[in-house]
C-alpha atoms as a PDB file:
ATOM      1  CA  MET A   1     -27.457 -31.088 -21.027  1.00  0.00           C
ATOM      2  CA  VAL A   2     -28.601 -29.719 -17.684  1.00  0.00           C
ATOM      3  CA  ALA A   3     -28.077 -26.053 -18.591  1.00  0.00           C
ATOM      4  CA  SER A   4     -30.122 -26.272 -21.798  1.00  0.00           C
ATOM      5  CA  LYS A   5     -32.943 -28.026 -19.932  1.00  0.00           C
ATOM      6  CA  TRP A   6     -33.318 -25.413 -17.220  1.00  0.00           C
ATOM      7  CA  PHE A   7     -32.239 -22.305 -19.185  1.00  0.00           C
ATOM      8  CA  PRO A   8     -33.706 -22.864 -22.668  1.00  0.00           C
ATOM      9  CA  SER A   9     -33.678 -19.162 -23.633  1.00  0.00           C
ATOM     10  CA  CYS A  10     -30.061 -18.599 -22.625  1.00  0.00           C
ATOM     11  CA  ASP A  11     -27.219 -18.352 -25.144  1.00  0.00           C
ATOM     12  CA  LEU A  12     -25.159 -21.175 -23.645  1.00  0.00           C
ATOM     13  CA  ASP A  13     -22.260 -20.753 -26.082  1.00  0.00           C
ATOM     14  CA  LYS A  14     -21.727 -17.299 -24.630  1.00  0.00           C
ATOM     15  CA  ALA A  15     -22.762 -17.929 -21.020  1.00  0.00           C
ATOM     16  CA  LEU A  16     -20.610 -21.005 -20.483  1.00  0.00           C
ATOM     17  CA  VAL A  17     -17.473 -19.888 -22.284  1.00  0.00           C
ATOM     18  CA  ARG A  18     -14.355 -20.622 -20.252  1.00  0.00           C
ATOM     19  CA  PRO A  19     -12.727 -19.262 -18.235  1.00  0.00           C
ATOM     20  CA  ILE A  20     -15.516 -17.707 -16.166  1.00  0.00           C
ATOM     21  CA  LEU A  21     -13.935 -14.693 -14.477  1.00  0.00           C
ATOM     22  CA  PHE A  22     -15.701 -12.077 -12.357  1.00  0.00           C
ATOM     23  CA  SER A  23     -14.057  -8.939 -10.991  1.00  0.00           C
ATOM     24  CA  GLU A  24     -14.603  -5.250 -10.315  1.00  0.00           C
ATOM     25  CA  TYR A  25     -11.056  -4.301 -11.281  1.00  0.00           C
ATOM     26  CA  LEU A  26     -11.889  -2.952 -14.735  1.00  0.00           C
ATOM     27  CA  ASP A  27     -15.117  -0.981 -14.203  1.00  0.00           C
ATOM     28  CA  ARG A  28     -15.564  -0.946 -10.398  1.00  0.00           C
ATOM     29  CA  VAL A  29     -18.610  -3.133 -10.981  1.00  0.00           C
ATOM     30  CA  TYR A  30     -18.464  -6.814 -10.099  1.00  0.00           C
ATOM     31  CA  LYS A  31     -19.147  -8.503 -13.406  1.00  0.00           C
ATOM     32  CA  SER A  32     -17.826 -10.974 -15.943  1.00  0.00           C
ATOM     33  CA  VAL A  33     -14.547  -9.848 -17.515  1.00  0.00           C
ATOM     34  CA  GLU A  34     -12.385 -10.980 -20.405  1.00  0.00           C
ATOM     35  CA  GLN A  35      -9.194 -12.766 -19.449  1.00  0.00           C
ATOM     36  CA  ASP A  36      -6.902 -10.760 -21.749  1.00  0.00           C
ATOM     37  CA  LYS A  37      -8.178  -7.400 -20.460  1.00  0.00           C
ATOM     38  CA  LEU A  38      -7.863  -8.595 -16.880  1.00  0.00           C
ATOM     39  CA  ARG A  39      -4.346  -9.867 -17.510  1.00  0.00           C
ATOM     40  CA  LYS A  40      -3.284  -6.468 -18.898  1.00  0.00           C
ATOM     41  CA  PHE A  41      -4.757  -4.731 -15.850  1.00  0.00           C
ATOM     42  CA  ILE A  42      -2.900  -7.056 -13.459  1.00  0.00           C
ATOM     43  CA  GLN A  43       0.357  -6.638 -15.397  1.00  0.00           C
ATOM     44  CA  GLY A  44       0.022  -2.854 -15.168  1.00  0.00           C
ATOM     45  CA  LYS A  45      -0.647  -2.946 -11.426  1.00  0.00           C
ATOM     46  CA  LEU A  46       2.191  -5.434 -10.950  1.00  0.00           C
ATOM     47  CA  HIS A  47       4.619  -3.084 -12.678  1.00  0.00           C
ATOM     48  CA  ILE A  48       3.726  -0.298 -10.228  1.00  0.00           C
ATOM     49  CA  PHE A  49       3.859  -2.740  -7.304  1.00  0.00           C
ATOM     50  CA  ASN A  50       7.367  -3.814  -8.316  1.00  0.00           C
ATOM     51  CA  GLU A  51       8.497  -0.190  -8.376  1.00  0.00           C
ATOM     52  CA  GLU A  52       6.837   0.909  -5.143  1.00  0.00           C
ATOM     53  CA  GLU A  53       6.705  -2.134  -2.886  1.00  0.00           C
ATOM     54  CA  LEU A  54       8.456  -5.358  -3.821  1.00  0.00           C
ATOM     55  CA  ASP A  55      10.587  -6.003  -6.886  1.00  0.00           C
ATOM     56  CA  VAL A  56       9.769  -9.640  -7.565  1.00  0.00           C
ATOM     57  CA  PRO A  57       9.452 -10.819 -11.176  1.00  0.00           C
ATOM     58  CA  LEU A  58       6.108 -12.541 -11.593  1.00  0.00           C
ATOM     59  CA  VAL A  59       4.773 -13.974 -14.846  1.00  0.00           C
ATOM     60  CA  VAL A  60       1.002 -13.548 -15.106  1.00  0.00           C
ATOM     61  CA  PHE A  61      -0.021 -17.035 -16.214  1.00  0.00           C
ATOM     62  CA  ASP A  62      -3.692 -18.037 -16.398  1.00  0.00           C
ATOM     63  CA  SER A  63      -3.416 -19.667 -12.966  1.00  0.00           C
ATOM     64  CA  VAL A  64      -1.980 -16.454 -11.501  1.00  0.00           C
ATOM     65  CA  VAL A  65      -5.004 -14.517 -12.781  1.00  0.00           C
ATOM     66  CA  ASP A  66      -7.300 -17.090 -11.158  1.00  0.00           C
ATOM     67  CA  HIS A  67      -5.492 -16.891  -7.815  1.00  0.00           C
ATOM     68  CA  VAL A  68      -5.434 -13.079  -7.823  1.00  0.00           C
ATOM     69  CA  LEU A  69      -9.220 -13.019  -8.227  1.00  0.00           C
ATOM     70  CA  ARG A  70      -9.727 -15.629  -5.484  1.00  0.00           C
ATOM     71  CA  ILE A  71      -7.524 -13.746  -3.028  1.00  0.00           C
ATOM     72  CA  ASP A  72      -9.138 -10.423  -3.948  1.00  0.00           C
ATOM     73  CA  ARG A  73     -12.643 -11.810  -3.425  1.00  0.00           C
ATOM     74  CA  VAL A  74     -11.783 -13.019   0.083  1.00  0.00           C
ATOM     75  CA  LEU A  75      -9.882  -9.913   1.214  1.00  0.00           C
ATOM     76  CA  LYS A  76     -12.868  -7.758   0.294  1.00  0.00           C
ATOM     77  CA  GLN A  77     -15.156  -9.675   2.673  1.00  0.00           C
ATOM     78  CA  PRO A  78     -15.635  -9.055   6.420  1.00  0.00           C
ATOM     79  CA  LEU A  79     -14.193 -12.084   8.215  1.00  0.00           C
ATOM     80  CA  GLY A  80     -12.308 -12.821   4.999  1.00  0.00           C
ATOM     81  CA  HIS A  81      -9.333 -15.050   5.809  1.00  0.00           C
ATOM     82  CA  LEU A  82      -7.190 -17.236   3.569  1.00  0.00           C
ATOM     83  CA  LEU A  83      -5.266 -20.472   3.824  1.00  0.00           C
ATOM     84  CA  LEU A  84      -2.735 -20.662   0.988  1.00  0.00           C
ATOM     85  CA  VAL A  85      -1.174 -24.091   0.574  1.00  0.00           C
ATOM     86  CA  GLY A  86       1.749 -24.776  -1.725  1.00  0.00           C
ATOM     87  CA  ALA A  87       5.426 -25.571  -1.924  1.00  0.00           C
ATOM     88  CA  SER A  88       7.923 -22.992  -0.700  1.00  0.00           C
ATOM     89  CA  GLY A  89       8.842 -20.373  -3.282  1.00  0.00           C
ATOM     90  CA  VAL A  90       5.756 -20.658  -5.512  1.00  0.00           C
ATOM     91  CA  GLY A  91       4.622 -17.087  -4.747  1.00  0.00           C
ATOM     92  CA  LYS A  92       1.940 -17.464  -2.060  1.00  0.00           C
ATOM     93  CA  THR A  93       3.187 -14.529   0.021  1.00  0.00           C
ATOM     94  CA  THR A  94       3.985 -12.353  -2.993  1.00  0.00           C
ATOM     95  CA  LEU A  95       0.499 -12.743  -4.450  1.00  0.00           C
ATOM     96  CA  ALA A  96      -1.119 -12.044  -1.070  1.00  0.00           C
ATOM     97  CA  ARG A  97       0.973  -8.883  -0.647  1.00  0.00           C
ATOM     98  CA  PHE A  98       0.179  -7.789  -4.195  1.00  0.00           C
ATOM     99  CA  VAL A  99      -3.595  -8.178  -3.844  1.00  0.00           C
ATOM    100  CA  ALA A 100      -3.563  -6.535  -0.398  1.00  0.00           C
ATOM    101  CA  TRP A 101      -1.703  -3.597  -1.945  1.00  0.00           C
ATOM    102  CA  ILE A 102      -4.309  -3.301  -4.716  1.00  0.00           C
ATOM    103  CA  ASN A 103      -7.000  -3.144  -2.011  1.00  0.00           C
ATOM    104  CA  ASN A 104      -5.123  -0.467  -0.014  1.00  0.00           C
ATOM    105  CA  GLN A 105      -4.576  -2.833   2.884  1.00  0.00           C
ATOM    106  CA  THR A 106      -1.512  -2.590   5.082  1.00  0.00           C
ATOM    107  CA  VAL A 107       0.541  -5.784   5.063  1.00  0.00           C
ATOM    108  CA  PHE A 108       1.789  -6.994   8.443  1.00  0.00           C
ATOM    109  CA  GLN A 109       4.256  -9.848   8.983  1.00  0.00           C
ATOM    110  CA  ILE A 110       6.024 -10.776  12.180  1.00  0.00           C
ATOM    111  CA  LYS A 111       9.818 -10.899  12.315  1.00  0.00           C
ATOM    112  CA  ALA A 112      10.384 -14.175  14.125  1.00  0.00           C
ATOM    113  CA  GLY A 113      14.111 -14.359  14.804  1.00  0.00           C
ATOM    114  CA  LYS A 114      15.933 -16.526  17.297  1.00  0.00           C
ATOM    115  CA  ASN A 115      15.143 -14.123  20.140  1.00  0.00           C
ATOM    116  CA  TYR A 116      11.476 -13.726  19.216  1.00  0.00           C
ATOM    117  CA  SER A 117       9.346 -14.903  22.130  1.00  0.00           C
ATOM    118  CA  LEU A 118       5.700 -15.582  22.853  1.00  0.00           C
ATOM    119  CA  GLU A 119       5.588 -12.243  24.672  1.00  0.00           C
ATOM    120  CA  ASN A 120       6.772 -10.521  21.487  1.00  0.00           C
ATOM    121  CA  PHE A 121       4.069 -12.332  19.524  1.00  0.00           C
ATOM    122  CA  ASP A 122       1.398 -11.268  22.027  1.00  0.00           C
ATOM    123  CA  GLU A 123       2.505  -7.658  21.699  1.00  0.00           C
ATOM    124  CA  ASP A 124       2.430  -7.881  17.905  1.00  0.00           C
ATOM    125  CA  ILE A 125      -1.124  -9.260  18.006  1.00  0.00           C
ATOM    126  CA  ARG A 126      -2.200  -6.539  20.444  1.00  0.00           C
ATOM    127  CA  SER A 127      -0.757  -3.907  18.115  1.00  0.00           C
ATOM    128  CA  VAL A 128      -2.492  -5.320  15.035  1.00  0.00           C
ATOM    129  CA  MET A 129      -5.804  -5.603  16.881  1.00  0.00           C
ATOM    130  CA  ARG A 130      -5.580  -2.008  18.143  1.00  0.00           C
ATOM    131  CA  ARG A 131      -4.815  -0.727  14.669  1.00  0.00           C
ATOM    132  CA  SER A 132      -7.687  -2.633  13.061  1.00  0.00           C
ATOM    133  CA  GLY A 133     -10.191  -2.476  15.931  1.00  0.00           C
ATOM    134  CA  VAL A 134      -9.635   1.046  17.268  1.00  0.00           C
ATOM    135  CA  LYS A 135      -8.189   3.006  14.351  1.00  0.00           C
ATOM    136  CA  GLY A 136     -10.125   1.143  11.656  1.00  0.00           C
ATOM    137  CA  GLU A 137      -6.981   0.355   9.679  1.00  0.00           C
ATOM    138  CA  ARG A 138      -7.473  -2.349   7.042  1.00  0.00           C
ATOM    139  CA  ILE A 139      -4.718  -4.903   7.584  1.00  0.00           C
ATOM    140  CA  CYS A 140      -3.635  -8.085   5.840  1.00  0.00           C
ATOM    141  CA  PHE A 141      -1.769 -10.200   8.407  1.00  0.00           C
ATOM    142  CA  ILE A 142       0.361 -12.709   6.492  1.00  0.00           C
ATOM    143  CA  PHE A 143       1.388 -15.512   8.819  1.00  0.00           C
ATOM    144  CA  ASP A 144       3.667 -18.268   7.530  1.00  0.00           C
ATOM    145  CA  GLU A 145       3.954 -21.637   9.212  1.00  0.00           C
ATOM    146  CA  SER A 146       7.687 -20.991   9.688  1.00  0.00           C
ATOM    147  CA  ASN A 147       6.629 -18.334  12.216  1.00  0.00           C
ATOM    148  CA  VAL A 148       5.017 -20.992  14.417  1.00  0.00           C
ATOM    149  CA  LEU A 149       7.750 -21.256  17.025  1.00  0.00           C
ATOM    150  CA  SER A 150       5.546 -23.121  19.505  1.00  0.00           C
ATOM    151  CA  SER A 151       2.042 -24.545  19.785  1.00  0.00           C
ATOM    152  CA  ALA A 152       1.019 -21.422  21.730  1.00  0.00           C
ATOM    153  CA  PHE A 153       1.441 -19.352  18.565  1.00  0.00           C
ATOM    154  CA  LEU A 154      -1.128 -21.501  16.767  1.00  0.00           C
ATOM    155  CA  GLU A 155      -3.477 -21.435  19.753  1.00  0.00           C
ATOM    156  CA  ARG A 156      -3.561 -17.650  19.625  1.00  0.00           C
ATOM    157  CA  MET A 157      -4.102 -17.518  15.870  1.00  0.00           C
ATOM    158  CA  ASN A 158      -6.818 -20.155  16.149  1.00  0.00           C
ATOM    159  CA  ALA A 159      -8.626 -18.082  18.802  1.00  0.00           C
ATOM    160  CA  LEU A 160      -8.254 -14.872  16.785  1.00  0.00           C
ATOM    161  CA  LEU A 161      -9.775 -16.474  13.698  1.00  0.00           C
ATOM    162  CA  ALA A 162     -12.541 -18.233  15.604  1.00  0.00           C
ATOM    163  CA  SER A 163     -13.831 -15.269  17.623  1.00  0.00           C
ATOM    164  CA  GLY A 164     -11.947 -12.094  16.683  1.00  0.00           C
ATOM    165  CA  GLU A 165     -10.144 -11.997  20.016  1.00  0.00           C
ATOM    166  CA  VAL A 166      -7.524 -13.844  22.047  1.00  0.00           C
ATOM    167  CA  PRO A 167      -8.687 -14.600  25.619  1.00  0.00           C
ATOM    168  CA  GLY A 168      -6.463 -12.959  28.208  1.00  0.00           C
ATOM    169  CA  LEU A 169      -4.535 -10.900  25.676  1.00  0.00           C
ATOM    170  CA  PHE A 170      -5.803  -7.599  27.085  1.00  0.00           C
ATOM    171  CA  ASP A 171      -5.554  -7.677  30.864  1.00  0.00           C
ATOM    172  CA  GLY A 172      -4.959  -5.095  33.572  1.00  0.00           C
ATOM    173  CA  ASP A 173      -3.489  -1.852  32.256  1.00  0.00           C
ATOM    174  CA  ASP A 174      -3.631  -3.105  28.660  1.00  0.00           C
ATOM    175  CA  TYR A 175      -7.397  -3.577  28.941  1.00  0.00           C
ATOM    176  CA  THR A 176      -7.921  -0.191  30.620  1.00  0.00           C
ATOM    177  CA  HIS A 177      -5.866   1.546  27.939  1.00  0.00           C
ATOM    178  CA  LEU A 178      -7.785  -0.278  25.187  1.00  0.00           C
ATOM    179  CA  ILE A 179     -11.184   0.712  26.591  1.00  0.00           C
ATOM    180  CA  ASN A 180     -10.082   4.340  26.879  1.00  0.00           C
ATOM    181  CA  GLN A 181      -8.961   4.291  23.248  1.00  0.00           C
ATOM    182  CA  CYS A 182     -12.256   2.713  22.187  1.00  0.00           C
ATOM    183  CA  ARG A 183     -14.228   5.334  24.091  1.00  0.00           C
ATOM    184  CA  GLU A 184     -12.300   8.168  22.415  1.00  0.00           C
ATOM    185  CA  THR A 185     -12.898   6.840  18.900  1.00  0.00           C
ATOM    186  CA  ALA A 186     -16.424   5.425  19.313  1.00  0.00           C
ATOM    187  CA  GLN A 187     -18.827   6.660  16.635  1.00  0.00           C
ATOM    188  CA  LYS A 188     -21.804   6.441  18.984  1.00  0.00           C
ATOM    189  CA  MET A 189     -22.406   6.686  22.704  1.00  0.00           C
ATOM    190  CA  MET A 190     -21.737   3.434  24.527  1.00  0.00           C
ATOM    191  CA  ASP A 191     -22.370   3.210  28.244  1.00  0.00           C
ATOM    192  CA  SER A 192     -20.573   0.045  29.295  1.00  0.00           C
ATOM    193  CA  GLU A 193     -17.086  -1.360  28.845  1.00  0.00           C
ATOM    194  CA  GLU A 194     -18.660  -4.535  27.516  1.00  0.00           C
ATOM    195  CA  GLU A 195     -20.323  -2.626  24.659  1.00  0.00           C
ATOM    196  CA  LEU A 196     -17.057  -0.891  23.827  1.00  0.00           C
ATOM    197  CA  TYR A 197     -15.117  -4.147  23.842  1.00  0.00           C
ATOM    198  CA  ASN A 198     -17.713  -6.003  21.758  1.00  0.00           C
ATOM    199  CA  ASN A 199     -17.639  -3.205  19.193  1.00  0.00           C
ATOM    200  CA  PHE A 200     -13.842  -3.399  19.192  1.00  0.00           C
ATOM    201  CA  VAL A 201     -14.000  -7.128  18.395  1.00  0.00           C
ATOM    202  CA  LYS A 202     -16.468  -6.486  15.547  1.00  0.00           C
ATOM    203  CA  GLU A 203     -14.124  -3.901  14.060  1.00  0.00           C
ATOM    204  CA  VAL A 204     -11.214  -6.348  14.284  1.00  0.00           C
ATOM    205  CA  GLN A 205     -13.268  -8.974  12.456  1.00  0.00           C
ATOM    206  CA  LYS A 206     -14.199  -6.448   9.774  1.00  0.00           C
ATOM    207  CA  ASN A 207     -10.772  -4.919   9.164  1.00  0.00           C
ATOM    208  CA  LEU A 208      -8.242  -7.658   9.922  1.00  0.00           C
ATOM    209  CA  HIS A 209      -7.642 -10.333   7.305  1.00  0.00           C
ATOM    210  CA  VAL A 210      -5.339 -13.238   8.112  1.00  0.00           C
ATOM    211  CA  VAL A 211      -3.497 -15.063   5.338  1.00  0.00           C
ATOM    212  CA  PHE A 212      -1.946 -18.277   6.640  1.00  0.00           C
ATOM    213  CA  THR A 213       0.599 -19.886   4.297  1.00  0.00           C
ATOM    214  CA  MET A 214       1.531 -23.541   4.590  1.00  0.00           C
ATOM    215  CA  ASN A 215       3.638 -26.154   2.825  1.00  0.00           C
ATOM    216  CA  PRO A 216       1.877 -29.532   2.469  1.00  0.00           C
ATOM    217  CA  ALA A 217       5.273 -31.269   2.646  1.00  0.00           C
ATOM    218  CA  ASN A 218       5.619 -30.179   6.269  1.00  0.00           C
ATOM    219  CA  PRO A 219       5.123 -33.229   8.532  1.00  0.00           C
ATOM    220  CA  ASP A 220       2.913 -31.153  10.866  1.00  0.00           C
ATOM    221  CA  PHE A 221       0.499 -30.208   8.074  1.00  0.00           C
ATOM    222  CA  SER A 222      -2.116 -32.900   8.755  1.00  0.00           C
ATOM    223  CA  ASN A 223      -1.836 -32.577  12.550  1.00  0.00           C
ATOM    224  CA  ARG A 224      -2.777 -28.895  12.460  1.00  0.00           C
ATOM    225  CA  THR A 225      -6.180 -29.685  10.990  1.00  0.00           C
ATOM    226  CA  ALA A 226      -7.199 -31.228  14.308  1.00  0.00           C
ATOM    227  CA  SER A 227      -5.259 -28.956  16.671  1.00  0.00           C
ATOM    228  CA  SER A 228      -6.253 -25.654  15.052  1.00  0.00           C
ATOM    229  CA  PRO A 229      -9.553 -26.095  13.181  1.00  0.00           C
ATOM    230  CA  ALA A 230     -10.200 -22.355  12.754  1.00  0.00           C
ATOM    231  CA  LEU A 231      -7.135 -22.143  10.509  1.00  0.00           C
ATOM    232  CA  PHE A 232      -8.943 -24.390   8.036  1.00  0.00           C
ATOM    233  CA  ASN A 233     -12.639 -23.504   8.343  1.00  0.00           C
ATOM    234  CA  ARG A 234     -12.523 -19.714   8.680  1.00  0.00           C
END
């Protein structure tokens, strides 16, 4: 056995017991935790979540515990973005909202109705970027593939994930207003607009977390790997 060869003094019966779960939920220290204790914690938080945010019955199976920890680990990281793939109705969005709520992150979702245009989408992205990049608000942007009303929507999300900005999104008066806001809230003296804008982008990357949900049964699923690589490798 490889483990016994390289770690002869280790108690392998204890160290390799399954499942291996690490979290800081129970003691605010990232360490190994027992599944039953973690399940009780999640059930307690879920009860409050159902009362305060979203009343959706969710059974905390072993796989749900695993997914909660995976989502939590990513949302705690700068540049932490998620691609959740699964059939419609399996709870991808609900779990993402639940874990974002635990982490005191504001959940943002667009309302893409029949009259929702690319201009509306641009304004929504500008708003989310201002909130996360200027005000320092921690945001979980849940974006479902059903919201992709045209290829331009994906192009913008791909750019946002790849670099923390969308080229051309802030132009003219929008750019001037953004720089003025950045200057007012800057923690240190910055002389140039370029410094202010670069700091703004860094704050967006730190505070904005994108959760993209997809259904593998969608015929466009495989095509998006090539057309929007940042959705898959960020």
